[in-house]
Amino acid sequence: MGNCVITIRVTGTHHNGARSDIDQMAGDFVDHLKAKGHSVADATITSGGTQDLAHKESRFPLREDNPKFYGG
């Protein structure tokens, strides 16, 4: 057991509220790591601004769960 850093550079869709969006998939990965007992010190996505993925309350919601967030 020890410290490590995971870096993933991606080009693709994000912040649209779709399950296939990069921010949603990255957040799910963070949740999966935590569920398996790993300590996640930091998890962010940067796309013009930085978004904290380590805390669910700061993530963009799925469009299906909160359409008003996306103007619908």
N, C-alpha and C. Protein backbone atom coordinates (compact mmCIF):
# COMPACT_ATOMS: atom_id res chain seq x y z
N MET A 1 0.86 -1.18 0.00
CA MET A 1 0.00 0.00 0.00
C MET A 1 0.90 1.23 0.00
N GLY A 2 0.52 2.22 -0.76
CA GLY A 2 1.29 3.44 -0.81
C GLY A 2 0.57 4.51 -1.59
N ASN A 3 1.18 5.66 -1.65
CA ASN A 3 0.60 6.79 -2.37
C ASN A 3 0.81 6.63 -3.86
N CYS A 4 -0.12 7.16 -4.65
CA CYS A 4 0.04 7.18 -6.09
C CYS A 4 -0.77 8.34 -6.66
N VAL A 5 -0.48 8.68 -7.91
CA VAL A 5 -1.20 9.73 -8.63
C VAL A 5 -1.66 9.13 -9.95
N ILE A 6 -2.93 9.32 -10.28
CA ILE A 6 -3.48 8.88 -11.56
C ILE A 6 -3.75 10.14 -12.38
N THR A 7 -3.18 10.22 -13.58
CA THR A 7 -3.41 11.35 -14.47
C THR A 7 -4.00 10.82 -15.77
N ILE A 8 -5.12 11.39 -16.18
CA ILE A 8 -5.77 11.00 -17.43
C ILE A 8 -6.06 12.27 -18.21
N ARG A 9 -5.55 12.37 -19.42
CA ARG A 9 -5.82 13.53 -20.29
C ARG A 9 -6.83 13.07 -21.34
N VAL A 10 -7.94 13.77 -21.43
CA VAL A 10 -9.05 13.34 -22.29
C VAL A 10 -9.60 14.52 -23.07
N THR A 11 -10.05 14.26 -24.28
CA THR A 11 -10.84 15.21 -25.04
C THR A 11 -12.20 14.56 -25.28
N GLY A 12 -13.25 15.25 -24.91
CA GLY A 12 -14.59 14.69 -25.10
C GLY A 12 -15.63 15.55 -24.41
N THR A 13 -16.85 15.08 -24.44
CA THR A 13 -17.96 15.85 -23.88
C THR A 13 -17.94 15.83 -22.36
N HIS A 14 -18.36 16.94 -21.77
CA HIS A 14 -18.44 17.04 -20.32
C HIS A 14 -19.46 18.12 -19.96
N HIS A 15 -19.95 18.04 -18.74
CA HIS A 15 -20.86 19.02 -18.16
C HIS A 15 -22.17 19.17 -18.94
N ASN A 16 -22.65 18.07 -19.52
CA ASN A 16 -23.94 18.07 -20.21
C ASN A 16 -24.99 17.27 -19.45
N GLY A 17 -24.59 16.64 -18.35
CA GLY A 17 -25.53 15.87 -17.55
C GLY A 17 -25.79 14.48 -18.07
N ALA A 18 -24.99 14.00 -19.01
CA ALA A 18 -25.17 12.65 -19.55
C ALA A 18 -24.24 11.68 -18.82
N ARG A 19 -24.71 10.45 -18.66
CA ARG A 19 -23.89 9.44 -17.98
C ARG A 19 -22.57 9.20 -18.70
N SER A 20 -22.51 9.45 -20.00
CA SER A 20 -21.30 9.23 -20.78
C SER A 20 -20.35 10.43 -20.77
N ASP A 21 -20.71 11.52 -20.08
CA ASP A 21 -19.84 12.69 -19.97
C ASP A 21 -18.62 12.35 -19.13
N ILE A 22 -17.50 12.96 -19.50
CA ILE A 22 -16.24 12.70 -18.80
C ILE A 22 -16.35 12.99 -17.31
N ASP A 23 -16.97 14.11 -16.93
CA ASP A 23 -17.05 14.44 -15.50
C ASP A 23 -17.88 13.42 -14.73
N GLN A 24 -18.96 12.91 -15.34
CA GLN A 24 -19.80 11.90 -14.68
C GLN A 24 -19.03 10.59 -14.51
N MET A 25 -18.35 10.16 -15.57
CA MET A 25 -17.60 8.91 -15.53
C MET A 25 -16.43 9.00 -14.54
N ALA A 26 -15.75 10.14 -14.52
CA ALA A 26 -14.63 10.32 -13.58
C ALA A 26 -15.14 10.32 -12.14
N GLY A 27 -16.28 10.97 -11.90
CA GLY A 27 -16.87 10.97 -10.57
C GLY A 27 -17.26 9.57 -10.13
N ASP A 28 -17.80 8.78 -11.07
CA ASP A 28 -18.15 7.38 -10.75
C ASP A 28 -16.90 6.59 -10.38
N PHE A 29 -15.79 6.85 -11.07
CA PHE A 29 -14.54 6.16 -10.76
C PHE A 29 -14.05 6.51 -9.36
N VAL A 30 -14.17 7.78 -9.01
CA VAL A 30 -13.79 8.22 -7.66
C VAL A 30 -14.65 7.51 -6.62
N ASP A 31 -15.96 7.44 -6.87
CA ASP A 31 -16.86 6.74 -5.95
C ASP A 31 -16.49 5.27 -5.82
N HIS A 32 -16.12 4.65 -6.94
CA HIS A 32 -15.74 3.24 -6.93
C HIS A 32 -14.47 3.03 -6.09
N LEU A 33 -13.49 3.90 -6.25
CA LEU A 33 -12.27 3.80 -5.43
C LEU A 33 -12.60 3.91 -3.95
N LYS A 34 -13.42 4.90 -3.59
CA LYS A 34 -13.79 5.09 -2.19
C LYS A 34 -14.55 3.89 -1.64
N ALA A 35 -15.45 3.33 -2.45
CA ALA A 35 -16.25 2.18 -2.02
C ALA A 35 -15.39 0.96 -1.73
N LYS A 36 -14.24 0.89 -2.39
CA LYS A 36 -13.32 -0.23 -2.18
C LYS A 36 -12.32 0.05 -1.07
N GLY A 37 -12.49 1.19 -0.37
CA GLY A 37 -11.67 1.49 0.79
C GLY A 37 -10.44 2.34 0.54
N HIS A 38 -10.31 2.85 -0.69
CA HIS A 38 -9.16 3.71 -0.99
C HIS A 38 -9.43 5.13 -0.50
N SER A 39 -8.39 5.79 -0.03
CA SER A 39 -8.50 7.17 0.42
C SER A 39 -8.16 8.08 -0.76
N VAL A 40 -9.14 8.87 -1.21
CA VAL A 40 -8.94 9.79 -2.32
C VAL A 40 -8.71 11.18 -1.74
N ALA A 41 -7.48 11.66 -1.84
CA ALA A 41 -7.12 12.95 -1.27
C ALA A 41 -7.60 14.10 -2.13
N ASP A 42 -7.65 13.89 -3.44
CA ASP A 42 -7.99 14.97 -4.36
C ASP A 42 -8.43 14.35 -5.68
N ALA A 43 -9.47 14.88 -6.28
CA ALA A 43 -9.92 14.44 -7.60
C ALA A 43 -10.60 15.64 -8.26
N THR A 44 -10.03 16.13 -9.34
CA THR A 44 -10.59 17.31 -10.00
C THR A 44 -10.63 17.10 -11.51
N ILE A 45 -11.50 17.85 -12.16
CA ILE A 45 -11.50 17.94 -13.61
C ILE A 45 -11.30 19.41 -13.95
N THR A 46 -10.41 19.68 -14.89
CA THR A 46 -10.12 21.05 -15.28
C THR A 46 -10.48 21.22 -16.75
N SER A 47 -11.39 22.13 -17.03
CA SER A 47 -11.80 22.41 -18.40
C SER A 47 -12.19 23.88 -18.46
N GLY A 48 -11.20 24.73 -18.37
CA GLY A 48 -11.45 26.17 -18.25
C GLY A 48 -11.47 26.58 -16.80
N GLY A 49 -12.09 25.79 -15.96
CA GLY A 49 -12.12 25.97 -14.52
C GLY A 49 -11.97 24.61 -13.88
N THR A 50 -11.68 24.57 -12.62
CA THR A 50 -11.50 23.30 -11.93
C THR A 50 -12.75 22.93 -11.15
N GLN A 51 -13.17 21.68 -11.28
CA GLN A 51 -14.33 21.16 -10.56
C GLN A 51 -13.89 20.03 -9.65
N ASP A 52 -14.31 20.08 -8.40
CA ASP A 52 -13.98 19.07 -7.40
C ASP A 52 -14.85 17.84 -7.62
N LEU A 53 -14.25 16.71 -7.96
CA LEU A 53 -14.99 15.47 -8.17
C LEU A 53 -14.99 14.58 -6.93
N ALA A 54 -14.14 14.91 -5.97
CA ALA A 54 -14.04 14.07 -4.77
C ALA A 54 -15.27 14.18 -3.89
N HIS A 55 -16.05 15.23 -4.06
CA HIS A 55 -17.24 15.45 -3.25
C HIS A 55 -18.46 15.54 -4.16
N LYS A 56 -19.40 14.61 -4.00
CA LYS A 56 -20.56 14.53 -4.89
C LYS A 56 -21.35 15.83 -4.97
N GLU A 57 -21.44 16.56 -3.88
CA GLU A 57 -22.27 17.77 -3.86
C GLU A 57 -21.72 18.86 -4.77
N SER A 58 -20.47 18.77 -5.18
CA SER A 58 -19.90 19.79 -6.05
C SER A 58 -19.90 19.37 -7.53
N ARG A 59 -20.39 18.18 -7.82
CA ARG A 59 -20.43 17.69 -9.20
C ARG A 59 -21.66 18.22 -9.92
N PHE A 60 -21.58 18.30 -11.24
CA PHE A 60 -22.76 18.63 -12.04
C PHE A 60 -23.73 17.46 -11.95
N PRO A 61 -25.04 17.73 -11.81
CA PRO A 61 -25.99 16.63 -11.71
C PRO A 61 -26.25 16.00 -13.08
N LEU A 62 -26.79 14.80 -13.08
CA LEU A 62 -27.26 14.21 -14.33
C LEU A 62 -28.46 15.00 -14.81
N ARG A 63 -28.56 15.20 -16.11
CA ARG A 63 -29.69 15.93 -16.69
C ARG A 63 -31.01 15.26 -16.31
N GLU A 64 -31.04 13.92 -16.29
CA GLU A 64 -32.27 13.21 -15.98
C GLU A 64 -32.71 13.42 -14.52
N ASP A 65 -31.76 13.72 -13.64
CA ASP A 65 -32.08 13.95 -12.24
C ASP A 65 -32.45 15.40 -11.94
N ASN A 66 -31.92 16.35 -12.74
CA ASN A 66 -32.15 17.77 -12.48
C ASN A 66 -32.17 18.56 -13.79
N PRO A 67 -33.24 18.42 -14.60
CA PRO A 67 -33.28 19.12 -15.90
C PRO A 67 -33.25 20.63 -15.76
N LYS A 68 -33.75 21.18 -14.67
CA LYS A 68 -33.77 22.63 -14.48
C LYS A 68 -32.35 23.20 -14.41
N PHE A 69 -31.40 22.41 -13.92
CA PHE A 69 -30.00 22.87 -13.84
C PHE A 69 -29.48 23.22 -15.24
N TYR A 70 -29.98 22.52 -16.25
CA TYR A 70 -29.54 22.71 -17.62
C TYR A 70 -30.51 23.57 -18.44
N GLY A 71 -31.41 24.26 -17.74
CA GLY A 71 -32.33 25.17 -18.40
C GLY A 71 -33.56 24.51 -18.98
N GLY A 72 -33.80 23.25 -18.62
CA GLY A 72 -34.94 22.52 -19.18
C GLY A 72 -36.13 22.48 -18.28
